[in-house]
Amino acid sequence: GGKDHHCGTPQGGVVSPMLANLYINRLL
């Protein structure tokens, strides 16, 4: 990851599950 990383959410990140739910909601 880091500043040069422009894709995905950090594995184990604090808000990663929430952001994943927010994004996958478009599919649902």
PDB file of all heavy atoms in Angstrom:
ATOM      1  N   GLY A   1       0.825  -1.199   0.000  1.00  0.00           N
ATOM      2  CA  GLY A   1       0.000   0.000   0.000  1.00  0.00           C
ATOM      3  C   GLY A   1       0.859   1.249   0.000  1.00  0.00           C
ATOM      4  O   GLY A   1       1.958   1.279  -0.569  1.00  0.00           O
ATOM      5  N   GLY A   2       0.374   2.302   0.638  1.00  0.00           N
ATOM      6  CA  GLY A   2       1.101   3.557   0.669  1.00  0.00           C
ATOM      7  C   GLY A   2       0.516   4.579  -0.300  1.00  0.00           C
ATOM      8  O   GLY A   2      -0.488   4.338  -0.969  1.00  0.00           O
ATOM      9  N   LYS A   3       1.152   5.724  -0.389  1.00  0.00           N
ATOM     10  CA  LYS A   3       0.633   6.829  -1.203  1.00  0.00           C
ATOM     11  C   LYS A   3       0.572   6.499  -2.683  1.00  0.00           C
ATOM     12  O   LYS A   3      -0.228   7.070  -3.419  1.00  0.00           O
ATOM     13  CB  LYS A   3       1.491   8.080  -0.970  1.00  0.00           C
ATOM     14  CG  LYS A   3       1.363   8.645   0.442  1.00  0.00           C
ATOM     15  CD  LYS A   3       2.171   9.909   0.598  1.00  0.00           C
ATOM     16  CE  LYS A   3       2.001  10.478   2.008  1.00  0.00           C
ATOM     17  NZ  LYS A   3       2.802  11.718   2.194  1.00  0.00           N
ATOM     18  N   ASP A   4       1.456   5.624  -3.134  1.00  0.00           N
ATOM     19  CA  ASP A   4       1.463   5.269  -4.558  1.00  0.00           C
ATOM     20  C   ASP A   4       0.470   4.157  -4.880  1.00  0.00           C
ATOM     21  O   ASP A   4       0.397   3.702  -6.025  1.00  0.00           O
ATOM     22  CB  ASP A   4       2.875   4.838  -4.983  1.00  0.00           C
ATOM     23  CG  ASP A   4       3.877   5.981  -4.842  1.00  0.00           C
ATOM     24  OD1 ASP A   4       3.456   7.138  -5.014  1.00  0.00           O
ATOM     25  OD2 ASP A   4       5.050   5.702  -4.552  1.00  0.00           O
ATOM     26  N   HIS A   5      -0.276   3.709  -3.878  1.00  0.00           N
ATOM     27  CA  HIS A   5      -1.240   2.621  -4.073  1.00  0.00           C
ATOM     28  C   HIS A   5      -2.607   3.231  -4.354  1.00  0.00           C
ATOM     29  O   HIS A   5      -3.141   3.980  -3.540  1.00  0.00           O
ATOM     30  CB  HIS A   5      -1.293   1.755  -2.806  1.00  0.00           C
ATOM     31  CG  HIS A   5      -2.113   0.514  -2.968  1.00  0.00           C
ATOM     32  ND1 HIS A   5      -1.727  -0.534  -3.760  1.00  0.00           N
ATOM     33  CD2 HIS A   5      -3.309   0.162  -2.421  1.00  0.00           C
ATOM     34  CE1 HIS A   5      -2.634  -1.487  -3.707  1.00  0.00           C
ATOM     35  NE2 HIS A   5      -3.600  -1.085  -2.900  1.00  0.00           N
ATOM     36  N   HIS A   6      -3.181   2.949  -5.503  1.00  0.00           N
ATOM     37  CA  HIS A   6      -4.430   3.596  -5.917  1.00  0.00           C
ATOM     38  C   HIS A   6      -5.585   2.623  -6.103  1.00  0.00           C
ATOM     39  O   HIS A   6      -6.588   2.961  -6.721  1.00  0.00           O
ATOM     40  CB  HIS A   6      -4.201   4.358  -7.226  1.00  0.00           C
ATOM     41  CG  HIS A   6      -3.099   5.378  -7.140  1.00  0.00           C
ATOM     42  ND1 HIS A   6      -3.222   6.536  -6.389  1.00  0.00           N
ATOM     43  CD2 HIS A   6      -1.856   5.390  -7.668  1.00  0.00           C
ATOM     44  CE1 HIS A   6      -2.103   7.234  -6.485  1.00  0.00           C
ATOM     45  NE2 HIS A   6      -1.256   6.559  -7.254  1.00  0.00           N
ATOM     46  N   CYS A   7      -5.449   1.410  -5.589  1.00  0.00           N
ATOM     47  CA  CYS A   7      -6.500   0.407  -5.791  1.00  0.00           C
ATOM     48  C   CYS A   7      -6.672  -0.432  -4.535  1.00  0.00           C
ATOM     49  O   CYS A   7      -5.693  -0.850  -3.915  1.00  0.00           O
ATOM     50  CB  CYS A   7      -6.139  -0.480  -6.988  1.00  0.00           C
ATOM     51  SG  CYS A   7      -7.365  -1.737  -7.374  1.00  0.00           S
ATOM     52  N   GLY A   8      -7.930  -0.651  -4.155  1.00  0.00           N
ATOM     53  CA  GLY A   8      -8.208  -1.545  -3.039  1.00  0.00           C
ATOM     54  C   GLY A   8      -8.155  -0.865  -1.688  1.00  0.00           C
ATOM     55  O   GLY A   8      -7.831   0.311  -1.559  1.00  0.00           O
ATOM     56  N   THR A   9      -8.495  -1.634  -0.650  1.00  0.00           N
ATOM     57  CA  THR A   9      -8.438  -1.163   0.730  1.00  0.00           C
ATOM     58  C   THR A   9      -7.417  -1.996   1.493  1.00  0.00           C
ATOM     59  O   THR A   9      -7.230  -3.172   1.188  1.00  0.00           O
ATOM     60  CB  THR A   9      -9.808  -1.294   1.420  1.00  0.00           C
ATOM     61  OG1 THR A   9     -10.206  -2.671   1.389  1.00  0.00           O
ATOM     62  CG2 THR A   9     -10.858  -0.459   0.724  1.00  0.00           C
ATOM     63  N   PRO A  10      -6.749  -1.414   2.478  1.00  0.00           N
ATOM     64  CA  PRO A  10      -5.709  -2.152   3.214  1.00  0.00           C
ATOM     65  C   PRO A  10      -6.281  -3.374   3.928  1.00  0.00           C
ATOM     66  O   PRO A  10      -7.317  -3.280   4.595  1.00  0.00           O
ATOM     67  CB  PRO A  10      -5.184  -1.125   4.224  1.00  0.00           C
ATOM     68  CG  PRO A  10      -5.598   0.202   3.682  1.00  0.00           C
ATOM     69  CD  PRO A  10      -6.874  -0.020   2.946  1.00  0.00           C
ATOM     70  N   GLN A  11      -5.601  -4.504   3.768  1.00  0.00           N
ATOM     71  CA  GLN A  11      -6.014  -5.718   4.475  1.00  0.00           C
ATOM     72  C   GLN A  11      -5.862  -5.502   5.977  1.00  0.00           C
ATOM     73  O   GLN A  11      -4.792  -5.139   6.453  1.00  0.00           O
ATOM     74  CB  GLN A  11      -5.148  -6.899   4.030  1.00  0.00           C
ATOM     75  CG  GLN A  11      -5.520  -8.223   4.673  1.00  0.00           C
ATOM     76  CD  GLN A  11      -6.811  -8.794   4.119  1.00  0.00           C
ATOM     77  OE1 GLN A  11      -7.215  -8.445   3.022  1.00  0.00           O
ATOM     78  NE2 GLN A  11      -7.451  -9.658   4.865  1.00  0.00           N
ATOM     79  N   GLY A  12      -6.954  -5.682   6.728  1.00  0.00           N
ATOM     80  CA  GLY A  12      -6.912  -5.460   8.163  1.00  0.00           C
ATOM     81  C   GLY A  12      -7.108  -4.015   8.567  1.00  0.00           C
ATOM     82  O   GLY A  12      -6.998  -3.680   9.750  1.00  0.00           O
ATOM     83  N   GLY A  13      -7.393  -3.146   7.602  1.00  0.00           N
ATOM     84  CA  GLY A  13      -7.611  -1.737   7.914  1.00  0.00           C
ATOM     85  C   GLY A  13      -8.873  -1.529   8.740  1.00  0.00           C
ATOM     86  O   GLY A  13      -9.833  -2.289   8.639  1.00  0.00           O
ATOM     87  N   VAL A  14      -8.876  -0.459   9.530  1.00  0.00           N
ATOM     88  CA  VAL A  14      -9.993  -0.198  10.442  1.00  0.00           C
ATOM     89  C   VAL A  14     -11.307  -0.032   9.684  1.00  0.00           C
ATOM     90  O   VAL A  14     -12.350  -0.558  10.083  1.00  0.00           O
ATOM     91  CB  VAL A  14      -9.708   1.059  11.299  1.00  0.00           C
ATOM     92  CG1 VAL A  14     -10.903   1.394  12.173  1.00  0.00           C
ATOM     93  CG2 VAL A  14      -8.465   0.853  12.142  1.00  0.00           C
ATOM     94  N   VAL A  15     -11.279   0.708   8.587  1.00  0.00           N
ATOM     95  CA  VAL A  15     -12.518   1.001   7.867  1.00  0.00           C
ATOM     96  C   VAL A  15     -12.704   0.128   6.635  1.00  0.00           C
ATOM     97  O   VAL A  15     -13.682   0.295   5.907  1.00  0.00           O
ATOM     98  CB  VAL A  15     -12.573   2.488   7.446  1.00  0.00           C
ATOM     99  CG1 VAL A  15     -12.618   3.384   8.647  1.00  0.00           C
ATOM    100  CG2 VAL A  15     -11.401   2.844   6.547  1.00  0.00           C
ATOM    101  N   SER A  16     -11.797  -0.806   6.393  1.00  0.00           N
ATOM    102  CA  SER A  16     -11.891  -1.626   5.182  1.00  0.00           C
ATOM    103  C   SER A  16     -13.212  -2.406   5.076  1.00  0.00           C
ATOM    104  O   SER A  16     -13.830  -2.421   4.004  1.00  0.00           O
ATOM    105  CB  SER A  16     -10.699  -2.576   5.091  1.00  0.00           C
ATOM    106  OG  SER A  16      -9.502  -1.856   4.863  1.00  0.00           O
ATOM    107  N   PRO A  17     -13.693  -3.067   6.143  1.00  0.00           N
ATOM    108  CA  PRO A  17     -14.976  -3.777   6.025  1.00  0.00           C
ATOM    109  C   PRO A  17     -16.134  -2.847   5.681  1.00  0.00           C
ATOM    110  O   PRO A  17     -17.001  -3.186   4.875  1.00  0.00           O
ATOM    111  CB  PRO A  17     -15.157  -4.413   7.405  1.00  0.00           C
ATOM    112  CG  PRO A  17     -13.772  -4.518   7.958  1.00  0.00           C
ATOM    113  CD  PRO A  17     -13.054  -3.306   7.453  1.00  0.00           C
ATOM    114  N   MET A  18     -16.155  -1.645   6.306  1.00  0.00           N
ATOM    115  CA  MET A  18     -17.227  -0.695   6.019  1.00  0.00           C
ATOM    116  C   MET A  18     -17.165  -0.217   4.573  1.00  0.00           C
ATOM    117  O   MET A  18     -18.188  -0.141   3.883  1.00  0.00           O
ATOM    118  CB  MET A  18     -17.133   0.492   6.988  1.00  0.00           C
ATOM    119  CG  MET A  18     -18.275   1.507   6.861  1.00  0.00           C
ATOM    120  SD  MET A  18     -17.961   2.774   5.606  1.00  0.00           S
ATOM    121  CE  MET A  18     -16.686   3.744   6.427  1.00  0.00           C
ATOM    122  N   LEU A  19     -15.963   0.085   4.094  1.00  0.00           N
ATOM    123  CA  LEU A  19     -15.810   0.557   2.719  1.00  0.00           C
ATOM    124  C   LEU A  19     -16.152  -0.547   1.721  1.00  0.00           C
ATOM    125  O   LEU A  19     -16.727  -0.285   0.659  1.00  0.00           O
ATOM    126  CB  LEU A  19     -14.381   1.061   2.489  1.00  0.00           C
ATOM    127  CG  LEU A  19     -13.992   2.313   3.286  1.00  0.00           C
ATOM    128  CD1 LEU A  19     -12.529   2.643   3.083  1.00  0.00           C
ATOM    129  CD2 LEU A  19     -14.860   3.497   2.887  1.00  0.00           C
ATOM    130  N   ALA A  20     -15.803  -1.790   2.063  1.00  0.00           N
ATOM    131  CA  ALA A  20     -16.144  -2.918   1.188  1.00  0.00           C
ATOM    132  C   ALA A  20     -17.661  -3.065   1.087  1.00  0.00           C
ATOM    133  O   ALA A  20     -18.203  -3.263  -0.006  1.00  0.00           O
ATOM    134  CB  ALA A  20     -15.512  -4.202   1.716  1.00  0.00           C
ATOM    135  N   ASN A  21     -18.346  -2.943   2.226  1.00  0.00           N
ATOM    136  CA  ASN A  21     -19.809  -3.011   2.213  1.00  0.00           C
ATOM    137  C   ASN A  21     -20.416  -1.886   1.397  1.00  0.00           C
ATOM    138  O   ASN A  21     -21.377  -2.079   0.647  1.00  0.00           O
ATOM    139  CB  ASN A  21     -20.352  -2.946   3.643  1.00  0.00           C
ATOM    140  CG  ASN A  21     -20.488  -4.307   4.280  1.00  0.00           C
ATOM    141  OD1 ASN A  21     -20.945  -5.243   3.649  1.00  0.00           O
ATOM    142  ND2 ASN A  21     -20.072  -4.424   5.526  1.00  0.00           N
ATOM    143  N   LEU A  22     -19.853  -0.697   1.537  1.00  0.00           N
ATOM    144  CA  LEU A  22     -20.347   0.465   0.813  1.00  0.00           C
ATOM    145  C   LEU A  22     -20.199   0.275  -0.693  1.00  0.00           C
ATOM    146  O   LEU A  22     -21.105   0.597  -1.472  1.00  0.00           O
ATOM    147  CB  LEU A  22     -19.582   1.713   1.273  1.00  0.00           C
ATOM    148  CG  LEU A  22     -20.011   3.048   0.659  1.00  0.00           C
ATOM    149  CD1 LEU A  22     -21.430   3.376   1.052  1.00  0.00           C
ATOM    150  CD2 LEU A  22     -19.068   4.155   1.115  1.00  0.00           C
ATOM    151  N   TYR A  23     -19.083  -0.284  -1.101  1.00  0.00           N
ATOM    152  CA  TYR A  23     -18.831  -0.450  -2.537  1.00  0.00           C
ATOM    153  C   TYR A  23     -19.628  -1.613  -3.105  1.00  0.00           C
ATOM    154  O   TYR A  23     -20.209  -1.516  -4.195  1.00  0.00           O
ATOM    155  CB  TYR A  23     -17.332  -0.671  -2.781  1.00  0.00           C
ATOM    156  CG  TYR A  23     -16.926  -0.398  -4.211  1.00  0.00           C
ATOM    157  CD1 TYR A  23     -16.918   0.901  -4.696  1.00  0.00           C
ATOM    158  CD2 TYR A  23     -16.575  -1.429  -5.070  1.00  0.00           C
ATOM    159  CE1 TYR A  23     -16.554   1.170  -6.007  1.00  0.00           C
ATOM    160  CE2 TYR A  23     -16.208  -1.177  -6.381  1.00  0.00           C
ATOM    161  CZ  TYR A  23     -16.199   0.128  -6.844  1.00  0.00           C
ATOM    162  OH  TYR A  23     -15.859   0.395  -8.141  1.00  0.00           O
ATOM    163  N   ILE A  24     -19.670  -2.734  -2.382  1.00  0.00           N
ATOM    164  CA  ILE A  24     -20.393  -3.909  -2.881  1.00  0.00           C
ATOM    165  C   ILE A  24     -21.894  -3.649  -2.897  1.00  0.00           C
ATOM    166  O   ILE A  24     -22.654  -4.364  -3.573  1.00  0.00           O
ATOM    167  CB  ILE A  24     -20.054  -5.154  -2.028  1.00  0.00           C
ATOM    168  CG1 ILE A  24     -20.130  -6.437  -2.885  1.00  0.00           C
ATOM    169  CG2 ILE A  24     -20.979  -5.276  -0.841  1.00  0.00           C
ATOM    170  CD1 ILE A  24     -19.036  -6.563  -3.882  1.00  0.00           C
ATOM    171  N   ASN A  25     -22.340  -2.613  -2.175  1.00  0.00           N
ATOM    172  CA  ASN A  25     -23.758  -2.256  -2.190  1.00  0.00           C
ATOM    173  C   ASN A  25     -24.223  -1.882  -3.594  1.00  0.00           C
ATOM    174  O   ASN A  25     -25.400  -2.033  -3.935  1.00  0.00           O
ATOM    175  CB  ASN A  25     -24.019  -1.101  -1.225  1.00  0.00           C
ATOM    176  CG  ASN A  25     -25.494  -0.757  -1.126  1.00  0.00           C
ATOM    177  OD1 ASN A  25     -26.314  -1.584  -0.776  1.00  0.00           O
ATOM    178  ND2 ASN A  25     -25.825   0.479  -1.454  1.00  0.00           N
ATOM    179  N   ARG A  26     -23.303  -1.413  -4.430  1.00  0.00           N
ATOM    180  CA  ARG A  26     -23.668  -1.096  -5.816  1.00  0.00           C
ATOM    181  C   ARG A  26     -24.091  -2.357  -6.562  1.00  0.00           C
ATOM    182  O   ARG A  26     -25.018  -2.338  -7.373  1.00  0.00           O
ATOM    183  CB  ARG A  26     -22.481  -0.419  -6.516  1.00  0.00           C
ATOM    184  CG  ARG A  26     -22.061   0.888  -5.861  1.00  0.00           C
ATOM    185  CD  ARG A  26     -20.817   1.466  -6.499  1.00  0.00           C
ATOM    186  NE  ARG A  26     -21.062   1.914  -7.861  1.00  0.00           N
ATOM    187  CZ  ARG A  26     -20.110   2.373  -8.678  1.00  0.00           C
ATOM    188  NH1 ARG A  26     -18.846   2.421  -8.243  1.00  0.00           N
ATOM    189  NH2 ARG A  26     -20.401   2.777  -9.896  1.00  0.00           N
ATOM    190  N   LEU A  27     -23.389  -3.453  -6.288  1.00  0.00           N
ATOM    191  CA  LEU A  27     -23.765  -4.738  -6.885  1.00  0.00           C
ATOM    192  C   LEU A  27     -25.134  -5.189  -6.386  1.00  0.00           C
ATOM    193  O   LEU A  27     -26.004  -5.592  -7.171  1.00  0.00           O
ATOM    194  CB  LEU A  27     -22.711  -5.796  -6.554  1.00  0.00           C
ATOM    195  CG  LEU A  27     -23.069  -7.259  -6.867  1.00  0.00           C
ATOM    196  CD1 LEU A  27     -23.083  -7.481  -8.381  1.00  0.00           C
ATOM    197  CD2 LEU A  27     -22.081  -8.214  -6.212  1.00  0.00           C
ATOM    198  N   LEU A  28     -25.351  -5.093  -5.071  1.00  0.00           N
ATOM    199  CA  LEU A  28     -26.608  -5.547  -4.476  1.00  0.00           C
ATOM    200  C   LEU A  28     -27.780  -4.672  -4.919  1.00  0.00           C
ATOM    201  O   LEU A  28     -28.895  -5.170  -5.140  1.00  0.00           O
ATOM    202  CB  LEU A  28     -26.490  -5.539  -2.947  1.00  0.00           C
ATOM    203  CG  LEU A  28     -25.378  -6.410  -2.365  1.00  0.00           C
ATOM    204  CD1 LEU A  28     -25.314  -6.251  -0.852  1.00  0.00           C
ATOM    205  CD2 LEU A  28     -25.580  -7.872  -2.739  1.00  0.00           C
TER     206      LEU A  28
END
